[in-house]
């Protein structure tokens, strides 16, 4: 349960970073290379980040436990869970 909270908090910070970058530059970041992890131990649970209009700007996937389950977010589709 603690890891779920920590990973979700890091994912929320990444989303805030993406939206703030878009607000100040006019575009979402192309990668997380400029993002500084608040909790570096959580970086291994961030599965992917991609930018693109097909996602409404970006998509973020992260896991809490097994690699075969993912939580995700994109501005276009909102929150998702796989497998769902």
PDB file of N, CA and C in Angstrom:
ATOM      1  N   UNK A   1       0.820  -1.185   0.000  1.00  0.00           N
ATOM      2  CA  UNK A   1       0.000   0.000   0.000  1.00  0.00           C
ATOM      3  C   UNK A   1       0.877   1.267   0.000  1.00  0.00           C
ATOM      4  N   UNK A   2       1.985   1.208   0.724  1.00  0.00           N
ATOM      5  CA  UNK A   2       2.887   2.360   0.769  1.00  0.00           C
ATOM      6  C   UNK A   2       3.457   2.629  -0.622  1.00  0.00           C
ATOM      7  N   UNK A   3       3.863   1.555  -1.321  1.00  0.00           N
ATOM      8  CA  UNK A   3       4.417   1.745  -2.658  1.00  0.00           C
ATOM      9  C   UNK A   3       3.379   2.344  -3.591  1.00  0.00           C
ATOM     10  N   UNK A   4       2.140   1.885  -3.509  1.00  0.00           N
ATOM     11  CA  UNK A   4       1.079   2.446  -4.346  1.00  0.00           C
ATOM     12  C   UNK A   4       0.996   3.956  -4.147  1.00  0.00           C
ATOM     13  N   UNK A   5       0.983   4.389  -2.909  1.00  0.00           N
ATOM     14  CA  UNK A   5       0.938   5.818  -2.619  1.00  0.00           C
ATOM     15  C   UNK A   5       2.158   6.543  -3.183  1.00  0.00           C
ATOM     16  N   UNK A   6       3.351   5.972  -2.979  1.00  0.00           N
ATOM     17  CA  UNK A   6       4.579   6.628  -3.432  1.00  0.00           C
ATOM     18  C   UNK A   6       4.649   6.718  -4.958  1.00  0.00           C
ATOM     19  N   UNK A   7       4.291   5.634  -5.642  1.00  0.00           N
ATOM     20  CA  UNK A   7       4.344   5.649  -7.105  1.00  0.00           C
ATOM     21  C   UNK A   7       3.285   6.585  -7.670  1.00  0.00           C
ATOM     22  N   UNK A   8       2.081   6.554  -7.107  1.00  0.00           N
ATOM     23  CA  UNK A   8       1.040   7.464  -7.587  1.00  0.00           C
ATOM     24  C   UNK A   8       1.425   8.918  -7.343  1.00  0.00           C
ATOM     25  N   UNK A   9       2.074   9.196  -6.227  1.00  0.00           N
ATOM     26  CA  UNK A   9       2.524  10.568  -5.951  1.00  0.00           C
ATOM     27  C   UNK A   9       3.571  11.000  -6.975  1.00  0.00           C
ATOM     28  N   UNK A  10       4.493  10.107  -7.319  1.00  0.00           N
ATOM     29  CA  UNK A  10       5.512  10.447  -8.320  1.00  0.00           C
ATOM     30  C   UNK A  10       4.863  10.652  -9.684  1.00  0.00           C
ATOM     31  N   UNK A  11       3.894   9.798 -10.034  1.00  0.00           N
ATOM     32  CA  UNK A  11       3.184   9.954 -11.307  1.00  0.00           C
ATOM     33  C   UNK A  11       2.450  11.292 -11.345  1.00  0.00           C
ATOM     34  N   UNK A  12       1.852  11.695 -10.234  1.00  0.00           N
ATOM     35  CA  UNK A  12       1.170  12.992 -10.179  1.00  0.00           C
ATOM     36  C   UNK A  12       2.165  14.139 -10.384  1.00  0.00           C
ATOM     37  N   UNK A  13       3.360  14.007  -9.844  1.00  0.00           N
ATOM     38  CA  UNK A  13       4.390  15.037 -10.042  1.00  0.00           C
ATOM     39  C   UNK A  13       4.840  15.084 -11.507  1.00  0.00           C
ATOM     40  N   UNK A  14       4.955  13.922 -12.132  1.00  0.00           N
ATOM     41  CA  UNK A  14       5.316  13.890 -13.551  1.00  0.00           C
ATOM     42  C   UNK A  14       4.229  14.558 -14.377  1.00  0.00           C
ATOM     43  N   UNK A  15       2.987  14.289 -14.067  1.00  0.00           N
ATOM     44  CA  UNK A  15       1.889  14.938 -14.797  1.00  0.00           C
ATOM     45  C   UNK A  15       1.925  16.447 -14.590  1.00  0.00           C
ATOM     46  N   UNK A  16       2.174  16.890 -13.372  1.00  0.00           N
ATOM     47  CA  UNK A  16       2.274  18.331 -13.108  1.00  0.00           C
ATOM     48  C   UNK A  16       3.422  18.935 -13.901  1.00  0.00           C
ATOM     49  N   UNK A  17       4.556  18.233 -13.965  1.00  0.00           N
ATOM     50  CA  UNK A  17       5.695  18.673 -14.764  1.00  0.00           C
ATOM     51  C   UNK A  17       5.302  18.810 -16.239  1.00  0.00           C
ATOM     52  N   UNK A  18       4.593  17.813 -16.756  1.00  0.00           N
ATOM     53  CA  UNK A  18       4.186  17.851 -18.162  1.00  0.00           C
ATOM     54  C   UNK A  18       3.253  19.026 -18.433  1.00  0.00           C
ATOM     55  N   UNK A  19       2.261  19.212 -17.580  1.00  0.00           N
ATOM     56  CA  UNK A  19       1.321  20.320 -17.782  1.00  0.00           C
ATOM     57  C   UNK A  19       1.989  21.681 -17.599  1.00  0.00           C
ATOM     58  N   UNK A  20       2.900  21.790 -16.646  1.00  0.00           N
ATOM     59  CA  UNK A  20       3.604  23.056 -16.438  1.00  0.00           C
ATOM     60  C   UNK A  20       4.516  23.361 -17.625  1.00  0.00           C
ATOM     61  N   UNK A  21       5.182  22.351 -18.159  1.00  0.00           N
ATOM     62  CA  UNK A  21       6.021  22.543 -19.339  1.00  0.00           C
ATOM     63  C   UNK A  21       5.181  23.011 -20.512  1.00  0.00           C
ATOM     64  N   UNK A  22       4.027  22.396 -20.690  1.00  0.00           N
ATOM     65  CA  UNK A  22       3.125  22.802 -21.784  1.00  0.00           C
ATOM     66  C   UNK A  22       2.643  24.239 -21.586  1.00  0.00           C
ATOM     67  N   UNK A  23       2.347  24.593 -20.347  1.00  0.00           N
ATOM     68  CA  UNK A  23       1.871  25.954 -20.054  1.00  0.00           C
ATOM     69  C   UNK A  23       2.941  26.995 -20.355  1.00  0.00           C
ATOM     70  N   UNK A  24       4.196  26.692 -20.033  1.00  0.00           N
ATOM     71  CA  UNK A  24       5.252  27.692 -20.198  1.00  0.00           C
ATOM     72  C   UNK A  24       5.900  27.686 -21.578  1.00  0.00           C
ATOM     73  N   UNK A  25       5.879  26.546 -22.264  1.00  0.00           N
ATOM     74  CA  UNK A  25       6.552  26.468 -23.569  1.00  0.00           C
ATOM     75  C   UNK A  25       5.599  26.293 -24.748  1.00  0.00           C
ATOM     76  N   UNK A  26       4.355  25.932 -24.444  1.00  0.00           N
ATOM     77  CA  UNK A  26       3.397  25.696 -25.516  1.00  0.00           C
ATOM     78  C   UNK A  26       3.364  24.272 -26.025  1.00  0.00           C
ATOM     79  N   UNK A  27       4.213  23.412 -25.463  1.00  0.00           N
ATOM     80  CA  UNK A  27       4.185  22.004 -25.866  1.00  0.00           C
ATOM     81  C   UNK A  27       4.578  21.110 -24.695  1.00  0.00           C
ATOM     82  N   UNK A  28       4.048  19.906 -24.720  1.00  0.00           N
ATOM     83  CA  UNK A  28       4.391  18.943 -23.683  1.00  0.00           C
ATOM     84  C   UNK A  28       5.823  18.464 -23.902  1.00  0.00           C
ATOM     85  N   UNK A  29       6.509  18.081 -22.828  1.00  0.00           N
ATOM     86  CA  UNK A  29       7.878  17.588 -22.999  1.00  0.00           C
ATOM     87  C   UNK A  29       7.899  16.311 -23.832  1.00  0.00           C
ATOM     88  N   UNK A  30       8.936  16.157 -24.632  1.00  0.00           N
ATOM     89  CA  UNK A  30       9.073  14.970 -25.464  1.00  0.00           C
ATOM     90  C   UNK A  30       9.563  13.755 -24.705  1.00  0.00           C
ATOM     91  N   UNK A  31      10.153  13.979 -23.536  1.00  0.00           N
ATOM     92  CA  UNK A  31      10.661  12.882 -22.705  1.00  0.00           C
ATOM     93  C   UNK A  31      10.708  13.378 -21.259  1.00  0.00           C
ATOM     94  N   UNK A  32      11.149  12.519 -20.387  1.00  0.00           N
ATOM     95  CA  UNK A  32      11.303  12.903 -18.978  1.00  0.00           C
ATOM     96  C   UNK A  32      12.748  13.274 -18.642  1.00  0.00           C
ATOM     97  N   UNK A  33      13.562  13.531 -19.658  1.00  0.00           N
ATOM     98  CA  UNK A  33      14.976  13.821 -19.417  1.00  0.00           C
ATOM     99  C   UNK A  33      15.187  15.075 -18.561  1.00  0.00           C
ATOM    100  N   UNK A  34      14.266  15.999 -18.587  1.00  0.00           N
ATOM    101  CA  UNK A  34      14.380  17.228 -17.789  1.00  0.00           C
ATOM    102  C   UNK A  34      13.648  17.125 -16.448  1.00  0.00           C
ATOM    103  N   UNK A  35      13.007  15.997 -16.217  1.00  0.00           N
ATOM    104  CA  UNK A  35      12.261  15.809 -14.972  1.00  0.00           C
ATOM    105  C   UNK A  35      13.196  15.310 -13.874  1.00  0.00           C
ATOM    106  N   UNK A  36      13.084  15.884 -12.698  1.00  0.00           N
ATOM    107  CA  UNK A  36      13.860  15.444 -11.546  1.00  0.00           C
ATOM    108  C   UNK A  36      12.926  14.697 -10.600  1.00  0.00           C
ATOM    109  N   UNK A  37      13.226  13.440 -10.382  1.00  0.00           N
ATOM    110  CA  UNK A  37      12.385  12.627  -9.503  1.00  0.00           C
ATOM    111  C   UNK A  37      12.454  13.134  -8.070  1.00  0.00           C
ATOM    112  N   UNK A  38      11.294  13.291  -7.470  1.00  0.00           N
ATOM    113  CA  UNK A  38      11.195  13.645  -6.057  1.00  0.00           C
ATOM    114  C   UNK A  38      11.695  12.469  -5.219  1.00  0.00           C
ATOM    115  N   UNK A  39      11.303  11.259  -5.629  1.00  0.00           N
ATOM    116  CA  UNK A  39      11.732  10.032  -4.971  1.00  0.00           C
ATOM    117  C   UNK A  39      12.381   9.138  -6.030  1.00  0.00           C
ATOM    118  N   UNK A  40      13.687   9.222  -6.203  1.00  0.00           N
ATOM    119  CA  UNK A  40      14.364   8.469  -7.259  1.00  0.00           C
ATOM    120  C   UNK A  40      14.116   6.962  -7.219  1.00  0.00           C
ATOM    121  N   UNK A  41      13.817   6.419  -6.058  1.00  0.00           N
ATOM    122  CA  UNK A  41      13.531   4.992  -5.955  1.00  0.00           C
ATOM    123  C   UNK A  41      12.278   4.604  -6.741  1.00  0.00           C
ATOM    124  N   UNK A  42      11.416   5.549  -7.024  1.00  0.00           N
ATOM    125  CA  UNK A  42      10.182   5.260  -7.747  1.00  0.00           C
ATOM    126  C   UNK A  42      10.378   5.252  -9.259  1.00  0.00           C
ATOM    127  N   UNK A  43      11.546   5.694  -9.736  1.00  0.00           N
ATOM    128  CA  UNK A  43      11.773   5.754 -11.186  1.00  0.00           C
ATOM    129  C   UNK A  43      11.666   4.384 -11.848  1.00  0.00           C
ATOM    130  N   UNK A  44      12.013   3.321 -11.127  1.00  0.00           N
ATOM    131  CA  UNK A  44      11.932   1.988 -11.723  1.00  0.00           C
ATOM    132  C   UNK A  44      10.491   1.548 -11.978  1.00  0.00           C
ATOM    133  N   UNK A  45       9.526   2.212 -11.369  1.00  0.00           N
ATOM    134  CA  UNK A  45       8.126   1.841 -11.540  1.00  0.00           C
ATOM    135  C   UNK A  45       7.431   2.663 -12.629  1.00  0.00           C
ATOM    136  N   UNK A  46       8.115   3.679 -13.151  1.00  0.00           N
ATOM    137  CA  UNK A  46       7.569   4.445 -14.276  1.00  0.00           C
ATOM    138  C   UNK A  46       7.899   3.649 -15.535  1.00  0.00           C
ATOM    139  N   UNK A  47       6.866   3.133 -16.192  1.00  0.00           N
ATOM    140  CA  UNK A  47       7.084   2.250 -17.332  1.00  0.00           C
ATOM    141  C   UNK A  47       7.346   3.003 -18.625  1.00  0.00           C
ATOM    142  N   UNK A  48       6.583   4.058 -18.873  1.00  0.00           N
ATOM    143  CA  UNK A  48       6.810   4.803 -20.115  1.00  0.00           C
ATOM    144  C   UNK A  48       6.159   6.174 -20.047  1.00  0.00           C
ATOM    145  N   UNK A  49       6.738   7.065 -20.821  1.00  0.00           N
ATOM    146  CA  UNK A  49       6.189   8.400 -21.057  1.00  0.00           C
ATOM    147  C   UNK A  49       6.389   8.675 -22.538  1.00  0.00           C
ATOM    148  N   UNK A  50       5.320   9.078 -23.209  1.00  0.00           N
ATOM    149  CA  UNK A  50       5.404   9.452 -24.622  1.00  0.00           C
ATOM    150  C   UNK A  50       4.604  10.719 -24.831  1.00  0.00           C
ATOM    151  N   UNK A  51       5.091  11.555 -25.720  1.00  0.00           N
ATOM    152  CA  UNK A  51       4.312  12.728 -26.097  1.00  0.00           C
ATOM    153  C   UNK A  51       3.740  12.501 -27.491  1.00  0.00           C
ATOM    154  N   UNK A  52       2.629  13.148 -27.759  1.00  0.00           N
ATOM    155  CA  UNK A  52       2.018  13.032 -29.072  1.00  0.00           C
ATOM    156  C   UNK A  52       0.568  13.473 -29.047  1.00  0.00           C
ATOM    157  N   UNK A  53       0.128  14.035 -30.148  1.00  0.00           N
ATOM    158  CA  UNK A  53      -1.250  14.512 -30.234  1.00  0.00           C
ATOM    159  C   UNK A  53      -2.270  13.380 -30.145  1.00  0.00           C
ATOM    160  N   UNK A  54      -1.867  12.163 -30.555  1.00  0.00           N
ATOM    161  CA  UNK A  54      -2.798  11.044 -30.478  1.00  0.00           C
ATOM    162  C   UNK A  54      -3.180  10.708 -29.034  1.00  0.00           C
ATOM    163  N   UNK A  55      -2.400  11.200 -28.067  1.00  0.00           N
ATOM    164  CA  UNK A  55      -2.688  10.994 -26.644  1.00  0.00           C
ATOM    165  C   UNK A  55      -3.319  12.238 -26.012  1.00  0.00           C
ATOM    166  N   UNK A  56      -3.517  13.271 -26.795  1.00  0.00           N
ATOM    167  CA  UNK A  56      -3.975  14.539 -26.242  1.00  0.00           C
ATOM    168  C   UNK A  56      -2.820  15.346 -25.680  1.00  0.00           C
ATOM    169  N   UNK A  57      -1.599  14.954 -25.982  1.00  0.00           N
ATOM    170  CA  UNK A  57      -0.407  15.657 -25.512  1.00  0.00           C
ATOM    171  C   UNK A  57       0.663  14.712 -25.002  1.00  0.00           C
ATOM    172  N   UNK A  58       0.271  13.762 -24.146  1.00  0.00           N
ATOM    173  CA  UNK A  58       1.236  12.798 -23.621  1.00  0.00           C
ATOM    174  C   UNK A  58       0.491  11.621 -23.018  1.00  0.00           C
ATOM    175  N   UNK A  59       1.222  10.545 -22.796  1.00  0.00           N
ATOM    176  CA  UNK A  59       0.691   9.435 -22.008  1.00  0.00           C
ATOM    177  C   UNK A  59       1.774   8.950 -21.054  1.00  0.00           C
ATOM    178  N   UNK A  60       1.346   8.532 -19.890  1.00  0.00           N
ATOM    179  CA  UNK A  60       2.238   8.068 -18.839  1.00  0.00           C
ATOM    180  C   UNK A  60       1.728   6.728 -18.339  1.00  0.00           C
ATOM    181  N   UNK A  61       2.619   5.750 -18.234  1.00  0.00           N
ATOM    182  CA  UNK A  61       2.269   4.451 -17.659  1.00  0.00           C
ATOM    183  C   UNK A  61       3.222   4.140 -16.519  1.00  0.00           C
ATOM    184  N   UNK A  62       2.668   3.585 -15.461  1.00  0.00           N
ATOM    185  CA  UNK A  62       3.474   3.175 -14.326  1.00  0.00           C
ATOM    186  C   UNK A  62       2.891   1.906 -13.721  1.00  0.00           C
ATOM    187  N   UNK A  63       3.724   1.199 -12.980  1.00  0.00           N
ATOM    188  CA  UNK A  63       3.288  -0.026 -12.319  1.00  0.00           C
ATOM    189  C   UNK A  63       3.557   0.098 -10.836  1.00  0.00           C
ATOM    190  N   UNK A  64       2.831  -0.685 -10.077  1.00  0.00           N
ATOM    191  CA  UNK A  64       3.038  -0.719  -8.635  1.00  0.00           C
ATOM    192  C   UNK A  64       3.637  -2.063  -8.240  1.00  0.00           C
ATOM    193  N   UNK A  65       3.128  -3.124  -8.857  1.00  0.00           N
ATOM    194  CA  UNK A  65       3.594  -4.476  -8.545  1.00  0.00           C
ATOM    195  C   UNK A  65       4.216  -5.115  -9.766  1.00  0.00           C
ATOM    196  N   UNK A  66       3.502  -6.063 -10.344  1.00  0.00           N
ATOM    197  CA  UNK A  66       4.040  -6.818 -11.471  1.00  0.00           C
ATOM    198  C   UNK A  66       4.137  -5.961 -12.724  1.00  0.00           C
ATOM    199  N   UNK A  67       5.042  -6.335 -13.605  1.00  0.00           N
ATOM    200  CA  UNK A  67       5.246  -5.594 -14.841  1.00  0.00           C
ATOM    201  C   UNK A  67       4.112  -5.787 -15.835  1.00  0.00           C
ATOM    202  N   UNK A  68       3.258  -6.781 -15.598  1.00  0.00           N
ATOM    203  CA  UNK A  68       2.157  -7.044 -16.531  1.00  0.00           C
ATOM    204  C   UNK A  68       0.904  -6.236 -16.217  1.00  0.00           C
ATOM    205  N   UNK A  69       0.934  -5.439 -15.171  1.00  0.00           N
ATOM    206  CA  UNK A  69      -0.188  -4.555 -14.872  1.00  0.00           C
ATOM    207  C   UNK A  69       0.302  -3.117 -14.889  1.00  0.00           C
ATOM    208  N   UNK A  70      -0.488  -2.251 -15.472  1.00  0.00           N
ATOM    209  CA  UNK A  70      -0.102  -0.842 -15.611  1.00  0.00           C
ATOM    210  C   UNK A  70      -1.252   0.077 -15.254  1.00  0.00           C
ATOM    211  N   UNK A  71      -0.899   1.177 -14.664  1.00  0.00           N
ATOM    212  CA  UNK A  71      -1.810   2.294 -14.483  1.00  0.00           C
ATOM    213  C   UNK A  71      -1.368   3.331 -15.504  1.00  0.00           C
ATOM    214  N   UNK A  72      -2.303   4.026 -16.097  1.00  0.00           N
ATOM    215  CA  UNK A  72      -1.932   5.002 -17.107  1.00  0.00           C
ATOM    216  C   UNK A  72      -2.776   6.250 -17.052  1.00  0.00           C
ATOM    217  N   UNK A  73      -2.252   7.289 -17.699  1.00  0.00           N
ATOM    218  CA  UNK A  73      -2.975   8.551 -17.820  1.00  0.00           C
ATOM    219  C   UNK A  73      -2.593   9.214 -19.124  1.00  0.00           C
ATOM    220  N   UNK A  74      -3.593   9.782 -19.784  1.00  0.00           N
ATOM    221  CA  UNK A  74      -3.367  10.684 -20.915  1.00  0.00           C
ATOM    222  C   UNK A  74      -4.464  11.731 -20.877  1.00  0.00           C
ATOM    223  N   UNK A  75      -4.169  12.951 -21.334  1.00  0.00           N
ATOM    224  CA  UNK A  75      -5.214  13.971 -21.362  1.00  0.00           C
ATOM    225  C   UNK A  75      -6.422  13.555 -22.216  1.00  0.00           C
ATOM    226  N   UNK A  76      -6.170  12.787 -23.251  1.00  0.00           N
ATOM    227  CA  UNK A  76      -7.256  12.361 -24.144  1.00  0.00           C
ATOM    228  C   UNK A  76      -8.181  11.337 -23.482  1.00  0.00           C
ATOM    229  N   UNK A  77      -7.605  10.327 -22.845  1.00  0.00           N
ATOM    230  CA  UNK A  77      -8.398   9.209 -22.317  1.00  0.00           C
ATOM    231  C   UNK A  77      -8.558   9.190 -20.803  1.00  0.00           C
ATOM    232  N   UNK A  78      -7.858  10.059 -20.101  1.00  0.00           N
ATOM    233  CA  UNK A  78      -7.932  10.046 -18.646  1.00  0.00           C
ATOM    234  C   UNK A  78      -7.168   8.873 -18.070  1.00  0.00           C
ATOM    235  N   UNK A  79      -7.645   8.352 -16.951  1.00  0.00           N
ATOM    236  CA  UNK A  79      -6.978   7.274 -16.245  1.00  0.00           C
ATOM    237  C   UNK A  79      -7.356   5.928 -16.831  1.00  0.00           C
ATOM    238  N   UNK A  80      -6.404   5.004 -16.821  1.00  0.00           N
ATOM    239  CA  UNK A  80      -6.662   3.652 -17.299  1.00  0.00           C
ATOM    240  C   UNK A  80      -5.896   2.659 -16.439  1.00  0.00           C
ATOM    241  N   UNK A  81      -6.292   1.405 -16.576  1.00  0.00           N
ATOM    242  CA  UNK A  81      -5.635   0.312 -15.862  1.00  0.00           C
ATOM    243  C   UNK A  81      -5.560  -0.861 -16.808  1.00  0.00           C
ATOM    244  N   UNK A  82      -4.406  -1.519 -16.893  1.00  0.00           N
ATOM    245  CA  UNK A  82      -4.264  -2.689 -17.759  1.00  0.00           C
ATOM    246  C   UNK A  82      -3.731  -3.849 -16.936  1.00  0.00           C
ATOM    247  N   UNK A  83      -4.271  -5.020 -17.005  1.00  0.00           N
ATOM    248  CA  UNK A  83      -5.379  -5.394 -17.884  1.00  0.00           C
ATOM    249  C   UNK A  83      -6.726  -4.980 -17.278  1.00  0.00           C
ATOM    250  N   UNK A  84      -7.575  -4.478 -18.109  1.00  0.00           N
ATOM    251  CA  UNK A  84      -8.891  -4.041 -17.658  1.00  0.00           C
ATOM    252  C   UNK A  84      -9.947  -4.578 -18.593  1.00  0.00           C
TER     253      UNK A  84
END
